[in-house]
């Protein structure tokens, strides 16, 4: 039981993204069903489905970064010597860290500038939707930092062995 709890905690981002995707699918199917069968539209479901999908995308992107599942072209990198490969991985992770940190900062500015706006149907602040940017890129910045630390540890461990 404890192992299962740790597994869920370690993969919380994946579970949240999956649950939000399931909610998105249910809302879309429900709205299609009610629209074509009963000629009735559930107005708020479209905004909620869109919001859930946005969260799915950004939290899912963070999970992909954490597990290194993003698509990459490593044809040239894999042909480099081991030490050069490690340096390229560190440089790549550092650039990703810098970009994700900057976009997280921009997300904060964006949320500050749009705090008065509301969603037209649900009448809630659009910042609840825009928080997906902050959460997604914030997580990606944290995961990028972890990758950079792991890269440095690998490089120093290999240096000590030699």
N, C-alpha and C. Protein backbone atom coordinates (compact mmCIF):
# COMPACT_ATOMS: atom_id res chain seq x y z
N UNK A 1 0.83 -1.20 0.00
CA UNK A 1 0.00 0.00 0.00
C UNK A 1 0.87 1.26 0.00
N UNK A 2 1.94 1.23 0.79
CA UNK A 2 2.84 2.38 0.86
C UNK A 2 3.54 2.59 -0.48
N UNK A 3 3.92 1.48 -1.15
CA UNK A 3 4.57 1.60 -2.45
C UNK A 3 3.64 2.22 -3.48
N UNK A 4 2.35 1.84 -3.43
CA UNK A 4 1.39 2.39 -4.37
C UNK A 4 1.21 3.89 -4.12
N UNK A 5 1.16 4.27 -2.86
CA UNK A 5 1.04 5.68 -2.52
C UNK A 5 2.24 6.49 -3.00
N UNK A 6 3.42 5.93 -2.85
CA UNK A 6 4.63 6.61 -3.33
C UNK A 6 4.62 6.71 -4.86
N UNK A 7 4.15 5.65 -5.52
CA UNK A 7 4.07 5.66 -6.98
C UNK A 7 3.12 6.77 -7.45
N UNK A 8 1.98 6.87 -6.79
CA UNK A 8 1.01 7.91 -7.15
C UNK A 8 1.60 9.29 -6.90
N UNK A 9 2.27 9.46 -5.77
CA UNK A 9 2.88 10.74 -5.43
C UNK A 9 3.98 11.12 -6.42
N UNK A 10 4.81 10.14 -6.80
CA UNK A 10 5.89 10.40 -7.75
C UNK A 10 5.36 10.76 -9.13
N UNK A 11 4.18 10.25 -9.47
CA UNK A 11 3.61 10.48 -10.79
C UNK A 11 2.34 11.33 -10.73
N UNK A 12 2.26 12.18 -9.73
CA UNK A 12 1.07 12.98 -9.52
C UNK A 12 0.74 13.84 -10.73
N UNK A 13 1.77 14.39 -11.37
CA UNK A 13 1.53 15.22 -12.55
C UNK A 13 0.87 14.41 -13.66
N UNK A 14 1.30 13.18 -13.85
CA UNK A 14 0.70 12.33 -14.89
C UNK A 14 -0.74 11.98 -14.54
N UNK A 15 -1.01 11.68 -13.28
CA UNK A 15 -2.37 11.35 -12.86
C UNK A 15 -3.30 12.56 -12.98
N UNK A 16 -2.82 13.72 -12.63
CA UNK A 16 -3.64 14.93 -12.74
C UNK A 16 -3.95 15.22 -14.21
N UNK A 17 -2.92 15.13 -15.06
CA UNK A 17 -3.14 15.37 -16.49
C UNK A 17 -4.12 14.35 -17.07
N UNK A 18 -3.97 13.10 -16.67
CA UNK A 18 -4.88 12.06 -17.15
C UNK A 18 -6.31 12.28 -16.68
N UNK A 19 -6.47 12.67 -15.43
CA UNK A 19 -7.81 12.92 -14.89
C UNK A 19 -8.45 14.12 -15.58
N UNK A 20 -7.68 15.16 -15.81
CA UNK A 20 -8.22 16.34 -16.50
C UNK A 20 -8.58 16.02 -17.95
N UNK A 21 -7.81 15.14 -18.58
CA UNK A 21 -8.14 14.73 -19.94
C UNK A 21 -9.44 13.93 -19.95
N UNK A 22 -9.62 13.07 -18.94
CA UNK A 22 -10.86 12.30 -18.83
C UNK A 22 -12.06 13.23 -18.64
N UNK A 23 -11.90 14.25 -17.79
CA UNK A 23 -12.97 15.23 -17.58
C UNK A 23 -13.29 15.95 -18.90
N UNK A 24 -12.24 16.32 -19.63
CA UNK A 24 -12.43 16.98 -20.93
C UNK A 24 -13.25 16.10 -21.86
N UNK A 25 -12.88 14.83 -21.94
CA UNK A 25 -13.59 13.91 -22.83
C UNK A 25 -15.05 13.74 -22.41
N UNK A 26 -15.29 13.59 -21.12
CA UNK A 26 -16.67 13.42 -20.63
C UNK A 26 -17.50 14.66 -20.96
N UNK A 27 -16.93 15.84 -20.73
CA UNK A 27 -17.67 17.07 -21.00
C UNK A 27 -17.98 17.24 -22.48
N UNK A 28 -17.02 16.94 -23.33
CA UNK A 28 -17.23 17.07 -24.77
C UNK A 28 -18.28 16.07 -25.25
N UNK A 29 -18.16 14.83 -24.83
CA UNK A 29 -19.14 13.80 -25.24
C UNK A 29 -20.53 14.15 -24.71
N UNK A 30 -20.59 14.60 -23.45
CA UNK A 30 -21.87 14.98 -22.86
C UNK A 30 -22.50 16.13 -23.64
N UNK A 31 -21.70 17.13 -24.01
CA UNK A 31 -22.23 18.27 -24.74
C UNK A 31 -22.68 17.89 -26.15
N UNK A 32 -21.93 17.03 -26.82
CA UNK A 32 -22.33 16.55 -28.14
C UNK A 32 -23.64 15.77 -28.04
N UNK A 33 -23.71 14.90 -27.04
CA UNK A 33 -24.91 14.10 -26.84
C UNK A 33 -26.14 14.98 -26.59
N UNK A 34 -26.02 15.93 -25.67
CA UNK A 34 -27.17 16.78 -25.36
C UNK A 34 -27.54 17.70 -26.52
N UNK A 35 -26.54 18.11 -27.27
CA UNK A 35 -26.80 19.01 -28.40
C UNK A 35 -27.57 18.30 -29.52
N UNK A 36 -27.14 17.09 -29.87
CA UNK A 36 -27.75 16.41 -31.00
C UNK A 36 -28.95 15.55 -30.63
N UNK A 37 -29.04 15.07 -29.43
CA UNK A 37 -30.17 14.24 -29.02
C UNK A 37 -31.31 15.10 -28.46
N UNK A 38 -30.97 16.03 -27.56
CA UNK A 38 -31.99 16.83 -26.89
C UNK A 38 -32.09 18.26 -27.40
N UNK A 39 -31.23 18.63 -28.36
CA UNK A 39 -31.18 19.98 -28.90
C UNK A 39 -31.01 21.01 -27.78
N UNK A 40 -30.13 20.68 -26.86
CA UNK A 40 -29.88 21.51 -25.69
C UNK A 40 -28.37 21.61 -25.49
N UNK A 41 -27.88 22.81 -25.23
CA UNK A 41 -26.45 23.02 -25.05
C UNK A 41 -26.18 23.35 -23.58
N UNK A 42 -25.21 22.68 -23.00
CA UNK A 42 -24.76 23.00 -21.65
C UNK A 42 -23.66 24.04 -21.83
N UNK A 43 -24.02 25.28 -21.65
CA UNK A 43 -23.14 26.40 -22.01
C UNK A 43 -21.80 26.37 -21.31
N UNK A 44 -21.78 26.10 -20.02
CA UNK A 44 -20.54 26.15 -19.26
C UNK A 44 -19.59 25.00 -19.58
N UNK A 45 -20.11 23.93 -20.17
CA UNK A 45 -19.26 22.75 -20.38
C UNK A 45 -18.14 23.00 -21.39
N UNK A 46 -18.40 23.86 -22.37
CA UNK A 46 -17.36 24.13 -23.36
C UNK A 46 -16.19 24.88 -22.74
N UNK A 47 -16.48 25.89 -21.92
CA UNK A 47 -15.41 26.62 -21.24
C UNK A 47 -14.65 25.73 -20.26
N UNK A 48 -15.38 24.91 -19.54
CA UNK A 48 -14.73 24.02 -18.59
C UNK A 48 -13.88 22.97 -19.31
N UNK A 49 -14.40 22.42 -20.40
CA UNK A 49 -13.64 21.43 -21.18
C UNK A 49 -12.36 22.05 -21.75
N UNK A 50 -12.48 23.27 -22.24
CA UNK A 50 -11.31 23.97 -22.78
C UNK A 50 -10.28 24.20 -21.68
N UNK A 51 -10.75 24.63 -20.51
CA UNK A 51 -9.84 24.88 -19.39
C UNK A 51 -9.14 23.60 -18.95
N UNK A 52 -9.91 22.50 -18.86
CA UNK A 52 -9.31 21.22 -18.47
C UNK A 52 -8.28 20.77 -19.51
N UNK A 53 -8.60 20.99 -20.79
CA UNK A 53 -7.67 20.59 -21.84
C UNK A 53 -6.37 21.40 -21.77
N UNK A 54 -6.48 22.70 -21.50
CA UNK A 54 -5.28 23.54 -21.38
C UNK A 54 -4.40 23.04 -20.24
N UNK A 55 -5.01 22.73 -19.10
CA UNK A 55 -4.25 22.17 -17.98
C UNK A 55 -3.63 20.83 -18.36
N UNK A 56 -4.37 20.01 -19.08
CA UNK A 56 -3.84 18.72 -19.52
C UNK A 56 -2.57 18.90 -20.35
N UNK A 57 -2.63 19.85 -21.26
CA UNK A 57 -1.48 20.10 -22.14
C UNK A 57 -0.25 20.54 -21.35
N UNK A 58 -0.41 21.53 -20.47
CA UNK A 58 0.75 22.07 -19.78
C UNK A 58 1.28 21.14 -18.68
N UNK A 59 0.40 20.50 -17.95
CA UNK A 59 0.87 19.54 -16.94
C UNK A 59 1.44 18.30 -17.62
N UNK A 60 0.81 17.89 -18.72
CA UNK A 60 1.35 16.76 -19.50
C UNK A 60 2.72 17.07 -20.09
N UNK A 61 2.90 18.31 -20.54
CA UNK A 61 4.22 18.71 -21.06
C UNK A 61 5.27 18.66 -19.96
N UNK A 62 4.88 19.06 -18.76
CA UNK A 62 5.82 18.99 -17.62
C UNK A 62 6.18 17.54 -17.33
N UNK A 63 5.18 16.65 -17.36
CA UNK A 63 5.46 15.23 -17.12
C UNK A 63 6.41 14.70 -18.19
N UNK A 64 6.17 15.07 -19.45
CA UNK A 64 7.06 14.63 -20.54
C UNK A 64 8.48 15.12 -20.33
N UNK A 65 8.62 16.34 -19.86
CA UNK A 65 9.97 16.85 -19.60
C UNK A 65 10.61 16.10 -18.45
N UNK A 66 9.84 15.87 -17.38
CA UNK A 66 10.39 15.16 -16.22
C UNK A 66 10.87 13.77 -16.59
N UNK A 67 10.12 13.07 -17.42
CA UNK A 67 10.47 11.70 -17.80
C UNK A 67 11.29 11.64 -19.09
N UNK A 68 11.66 12.81 -19.58
CA UNK A 68 12.47 12.92 -20.81
C UNK A 68 11.80 12.23 -22.00
N UNK A 69 10.50 12.46 -22.13
CA UNK A 69 9.72 11.85 -23.20
C UNK A 69 9.51 12.78 -24.39
N UNK A 70 10.00 14.01 -24.32
CA UNK A 70 9.83 14.93 -25.43
C UNK A 70 10.63 14.43 -26.63
N UNK A 71 10.12 14.71 -27.79
CA UNK A 71 10.78 14.30 -29.03
C UNK A 71 12.07 15.11 -29.18
N UNK A 72 13.12 14.43 -29.52
CA UNK A 72 14.39 15.10 -29.73
C UNK A 72 15.16 14.42 -30.85
N UNK A 73 15.98 15.19 -31.51
CA UNK A 73 16.81 14.64 -32.57
C UNK A 73 18.22 14.52 -32.01
N UNK A 74 18.62 13.29 -31.72
CA UNK A 74 19.93 13.09 -31.09
C UNK A 74 20.88 12.32 -31.98
N UNK A 75 20.61 12.33 -33.27
CA UNK A 75 21.46 11.61 -34.22
C UNK A 75 22.92 12.06 -34.12
N UNK A 76 23.16 13.37 -34.09
CA UNK A 76 24.53 13.87 -34.02
C UNK A 76 25.10 13.72 -32.61
N UNK A 77 24.25 13.98 -31.61
CA UNK A 77 24.73 13.92 -30.22
C UNK A 77 25.20 12.51 -29.87
N UNK A 78 24.49 11.50 -30.31
CA UNK A 78 24.86 10.12 -29.99
C UNK A 78 26.16 9.68 -30.66
N UNK A 79 26.60 10.40 -31.66
CA UNK A 79 27.87 10.07 -32.32
C UNK A 79 29.07 10.75 -31.66
N UNK A 80 28.80 11.64 -30.73
CA UNK A 80 29.88 12.33 -30.02
C UNK A 80 30.50 11.41 -28.97
N UNK A 81 31.73 11.71 -28.56
CA UNK A 81 32.32 10.96 -27.44
C UNK A 81 31.49 11.20 -26.17
N UNK A 82 31.62 10.29 -25.22
CA UNK A 82 30.80 10.32 -24.01
C UNK A 82 30.87 11.67 -23.30
N UNK A 83 32.05 12.19 -23.09
CA UNK A 83 32.22 13.45 -22.36
C UNK A 83 31.54 14.61 -23.10
N UNK A 84 31.69 14.66 -24.42
CA UNK A 84 31.06 15.71 -25.23
C UNK A 84 29.53 15.56 -25.18
N UNK A 85 29.05 14.33 -25.18
CA UNK A 85 27.61 14.07 -25.06
C UNK A 85 27.06 14.61 -23.74
N UNK A 86 27.80 14.38 -22.68
CA UNK A 86 27.37 14.86 -21.36
C UNK A 86 27.33 16.38 -21.31
N UNK A 87 28.31 17.01 -21.95
CA UNK A 87 28.35 18.48 -22.00
C UNK A 87 27.15 19.01 -22.80
N UNK A 88 26.86 18.37 -23.92
CA UNK A 88 25.72 18.79 -24.75
C UNK A 88 24.42 18.62 -23.96
N UNK A 89 24.27 17.52 -23.23
CA UNK A 89 23.07 17.32 -22.42
C UNK A 89 22.94 18.40 -21.34
N UNK A 90 24.05 18.74 -20.70
CA UNK A 90 24.02 19.79 -19.68
C UNK A 90 23.67 21.14 -20.30
N UNK A 91 24.27 21.46 -21.44
CA UNK A 91 23.95 22.72 -22.11
C UNK A 91 22.49 22.77 -22.53
N UNK A 92 21.98 21.68 -23.08
CA UNK A 92 20.59 21.62 -23.50
C UNK A 92 19.66 21.80 -22.30
N UNK A 93 19.92 21.08 -21.22
CA UNK A 93 19.08 21.20 -20.03
C UNK A 93 19.18 22.59 -19.43
N UNK A 94 20.34 23.23 -19.53
CA UNK A 94 20.50 24.60 -19.01
C UNK A 94 19.69 25.60 -19.83
N UNK A 95 19.71 25.44 -21.14
CA UNK A 95 18.91 26.32 -22.00
C UNK A 95 17.42 26.11 -21.73
N UNK A 96 17.01 24.87 -21.58
CA UNK A 96 15.61 24.57 -21.27
C UNK A 96 15.22 25.17 -19.92
N UNK A 97 16.12 25.08 -18.94
CA UNK A 97 15.87 25.69 -17.63
C UNK A 97 15.69 27.19 -17.75
N UNK A 98 16.57 27.83 -18.50
CA UNK A 98 16.49 29.29 -18.67
C UNK A 98 15.18 29.68 -19.36
N UNK A 99 14.83 28.99 -20.42
CA UNK A 99 13.60 29.31 -21.14
C UNK A 99 12.35 29.08 -20.28
N UNK A 100 12.31 27.95 -19.60
CA UNK A 100 11.14 27.66 -18.75
C UNK A 100 11.03 28.65 -17.60
N UNK A 101 12.15 29.05 -17.03
CA UNK A 101 12.14 30.04 -15.95
C UNK A 101 11.64 31.38 -16.46
N UNK A 102 12.10 31.77 -17.63
CA UNK A 102 11.67 33.04 -18.21
C UNK A 102 10.18 33.02 -18.55
N UNK A 103 9.71 31.92 -19.12
CA UNK A 103 8.28 31.83 -19.47
C UNK A 103 7.43 31.78 -18.21
N UNK A 104 7.92 31.17 -17.13
CA UNK A 104 7.21 31.20 -15.86
C UNK A 104 7.07 32.64 -15.37
N UNK A 105 8.14 33.40 -15.48
CA UNK A 105 8.10 34.82 -15.11
C UNK A 105 7.09 35.57 -15.98
N UNK A 106 7.10 35.30 -17.30
CA UNK A 106 6.14 35.95 -18.20
C UNK A 106 4.70 35.56 -17.86
N UNK A 107 4.51 34.33 -17.42
CA UNK A 107 3.16 33.88 -17.03
C UNK A 107 2.66 34.68 -15.84
N UNK A 108 3.56 34.97 -14.89
CA UNK A 108 3.18 35.79 -13.73
C UNK A 108 2.77 37.19 -14.20
N UNK A 109 3.55 37.79 -15.09
CA UNK A 109 3.22 39.12 -15.61
C UNK A 109 1.89 39.09 -16.37
N UNK A 110 1.70 38.05 -17.15
CA UNK A 110 0.46 37.90 -17.92
C UNK A 110 -0.75 37.79 -17.00
N UNK A 111 -0.61 37.02 -15.93
CA UNK A 111 -1.71 36.86 -14.99
C UNK A 111 -2.00 38.18 -14.26
N UNK A 112 -0.96 38.93 -13.94
CA UNK A 112 -1.16 40.22 -13.28
C UNK A 112 -1.92 41.18 -14.18
N UNK A 113 -1.60 41.15 -15.47
CA UNK A 113 -2.23 42.10 -16.41
C UNK A 113 -3.66 41.73 -16.76
N UNK A 114 -4.06 40.51 -16.46
CA UNK A 114 -5.41 40.09 -16.86
C UNK A 114 -6.29 39.69 -15.69
N UNK A 115 -5.98 40.19 -14.52
CA UNK A 115 -6.73 39.77 -13.33
C UNK A 115 -8.17 40.26 -13.33
N UNK A 116 -8.48 41.30 -14.09
CA UNK A 116 -9.85 41.83 -14.11
C UNK A 116 -10.75 41.12 -15.12
N UNK A 117 -10.16 40.34 -16.02
CA UNK A 117 -10.95 39.66 -17.05
C UNK A 117 -11.64 38.43 -16.49
N UNK A 118 -12.83 38.17 -17.01
CA UNK A 118 -13.56 36.96 -16.60
C UNK A 118 -13.96 36.15 -17.82
N UNK A 119 -14.21 34.88 -17.59
CA UNK A 119 -14.71 34.02 -18.66
C UNK A 119 -16.17 34.40 -18.92
N UNK A 120 -16.58 34.46 -20.18
CA UNK A 120 -17.91 34.99 -20.49
C UNK A 120 -19.08 34.19 -19.91
N UNK A 121 -18.99 32.90 -19.84
CA UNK A 121 -20.13 32.11 -19.40
C UNK A 121 -20.03 31.73 -17.92
N UNK A 122 -18.89 31.24 -17.50
CA UNK A 122 -18.75 30.81 -16.10
C UNK A 122 -18.54 31.98 -15.15
N UNK A 123 -18.21 33.15 -15.69
CA UNK A 123 -18.03 34.37 -14.89
C UNK A 123 -16.97 34.23 -13.79
N UNK A 124 -15.93 33.46 -14.07
CA UNK A 124 -14.81 33.37 -13.14
C UNK A 124 -13.59 34.00 -13.81
N UNK A 125 -12.63 34.37 -13.02
CA UNK A 125 -11.43 35.03 -13.54
C UNK A 125 -10.70 34.12 -14.54
N UNK A 126 -10.23 34.74 -15.62
CA UNK A 126 -9.46 33.97 -16.59
C UNK A 126 -8.13 33.52 -16.00
N UNK A 127 -7.74 34.09 -14.86
CA UNK A 127 -6.49 33.68 -14.24
C UNK A 127 -6.53 32.22 -13.79
N UNK A 128 -7.72 31.67 -13.55
CA UNK A 128 -7.80 30.24 -13.26
C UNK A 128 -7.37 29.43 -14.47
N UNK A 129 -7.66 29.93 -15.65
CA UNK A 129 -7.20 29.27 -16.87
C UNK A 129 -5.72 29.55 -17.10
N UNK A 130 -5.31 30.81 -16.95
CA UNK A 130 -3.92 31.19 -17.20
C UNK A 130 -2.96 30.60 -16.18
N UNK A 131 -3.47 30.18 -15.05
CA UNK A 131 -2.61 29.53 -14.04
C UNK A 131 -2.00 28.25 -14.60
N UNK A 132 -2.62 27.68 -15.62
CA UNK A 132 -2.05 26.49 -16.26
C UNK A 132 -0.65 26.79 -16.81
N UNK A 133 -0.47 27.98 -17.34
CA UNK A 133 0.86 28.39 -17.83
C UNK A 133 1.86 28.42 -16.69
N UNK A 134 1.44 29.07 -15.61
CA UNK A 134 2.31 29.20 -14.45
C UNK A 134 2.67 27.83 -13.87
N UNK A 135 1.67 26.98 -13.71
CA UNK A 135 1.91 25.65 -13.16
C UNK A 135 2.76 24.81 -14.10
N UNK A 136 2.38 24.78 -15.37
CA UNK A 136 3.11 23.96 -16.34
C UNK A 136 4.56 24.37 -16.50
N UNK A 137 4.78 25.65 -16.77
CA UNK A 137 6.15 26.10 -16.97
C UNK A 137 6.93 26.14 -15.66
N UNK A 138 6.24 26.39 -14.55
CA UNK A 138 6.91 26.32 -13.25
C UNK A 138 7.42 24.92 -12.97
N UNK A 139 6.56 23.93 -13.23
CA UNK A 139 6.99 22.54 -13.06
C UNK A 139 8.14 22.20 -14.00
N UNK A 140 8.03 22.67 -15.25
CA UNK A 140 9.10 22.38 -16.21
C UNK A 140 10.41 23.03 -15.79
N UNK A 141 10.34 24.22 -15.20
CA UNK A 141 11.57 24.87 -14.70
C UNK A 141 12.17 24.05 -13.57
N UNK A 142 11.33 23.58 -12.66
CA UNK A 142 11.83 22.75 -11.55
C UNK A 142 12.43 21.45 -12.08
N UNK A 143 11.73 20.80 -12.99
CA UNK A 143 12.24 19.54 -13.55
C UNK A 143 13.53 19.77 -14.34
N UNK A 144 13.62 20.91 -15.04
CA UNK A 144 14.86 21.23 -15.77
C UNK A 144 16.02 21.43 -14.81
N UNK A 145 15.76 22.08 -13.69
CA UNK A 145 16.80 22.26 -12.68
C UNK A 145 17.26 20.91 -12.15
N UNK A 146 16.32 20.02 -11.90
CA UNK A 146 16.68 18.67 -11.43
C UNK A 146 17.53 17.97 -12.48
N UNK A 147 17.16 18.11 -13.76
CA UNK A 147 17.96 17.49 -14.82
C UNK A 147 19.38 18.06 -14.88
N UNK A 148 19.50 19.37 -14.70
CA UNK A 148 20.83 19.99 -14.70
C UNK A 148 21.68 19.45 -13.55
N UNK A 149 21.07 19.32 -12.37
CA UNK A 149 21.80 18.79 -11.22
C UNK A 149 22.22 17.35 -11.48
N UNK A 150 21.32 16.55 -12.06
CA UNK A 150 21.67 15.16 -12.39
C UNK A 150 22.80 15.11 -13.41
N UNK A 151 22.76 16.01 -14.41
CA UNK A 151 23.83 16.06 -15.42
C UNK A 151 25.18 16.35 -14.77
N UNK A 152 25.20 17.32 -13.88
CA UNK A 152 26.45 17.69 -13.20
C UNK A 152 26.94 16.53 -12.33
N UNK A 153 26.03 15.88 -11.62
CA UNK A 153 26.41 14.73 -10.79
C UNK A 153 27.00 13.62 -11.64
N UNK A 154 26.39 13.36 -12.80
CA UNK A 154 26.92 12.33 -13.69
C UNK A 154 28.33 12.68 -14.15
N UNK A 155 28.51 13.94 -14.52
CA UNK A 155 29.81 14.38 -15.02
C UNK A 155 30.88 14.31 -13.93
N UNK A 156 30.52 14.71 -12.72
CA UNK A 156 31.52 14.68 -11.64
C UNK A 156 31.79 13.26 -11.17
N UNK A 157 30.78 12.40 -11.22
CA UNK A 157 30.98 10.99 -10.83
C UNK A 157 31.90 10.28 -11.82
N UNK A 158 31.71 10.60 -13.10
CA UNK A 158 32.57 9.99 -14.12
C UNK A 158 33.98 10.53 -14.02
N UNK A 159 34.11 11.81 -13.64
CA UNK A 159 35.42 12.43 -13.49
C UNK A 159 36.21 11.81 -12.33
N UNK A 160 35.49 11.42 -11.26
CA UNK A 160 36.13 10.81 -10.10
C UNK A 160 36.59 9.38 -10.41
N UNK A 161 35.84 8.70 -11.29
CA UNK A 161 36.20 7.32 -11.66
C UNK A 161 37.45 7.28 -12.49
N UNK A 162 37.65 8.31 -13.31
CA UNK A 162 38.79 8.30 -14.23
C UNK A 162 40.11 8.52 -13.58
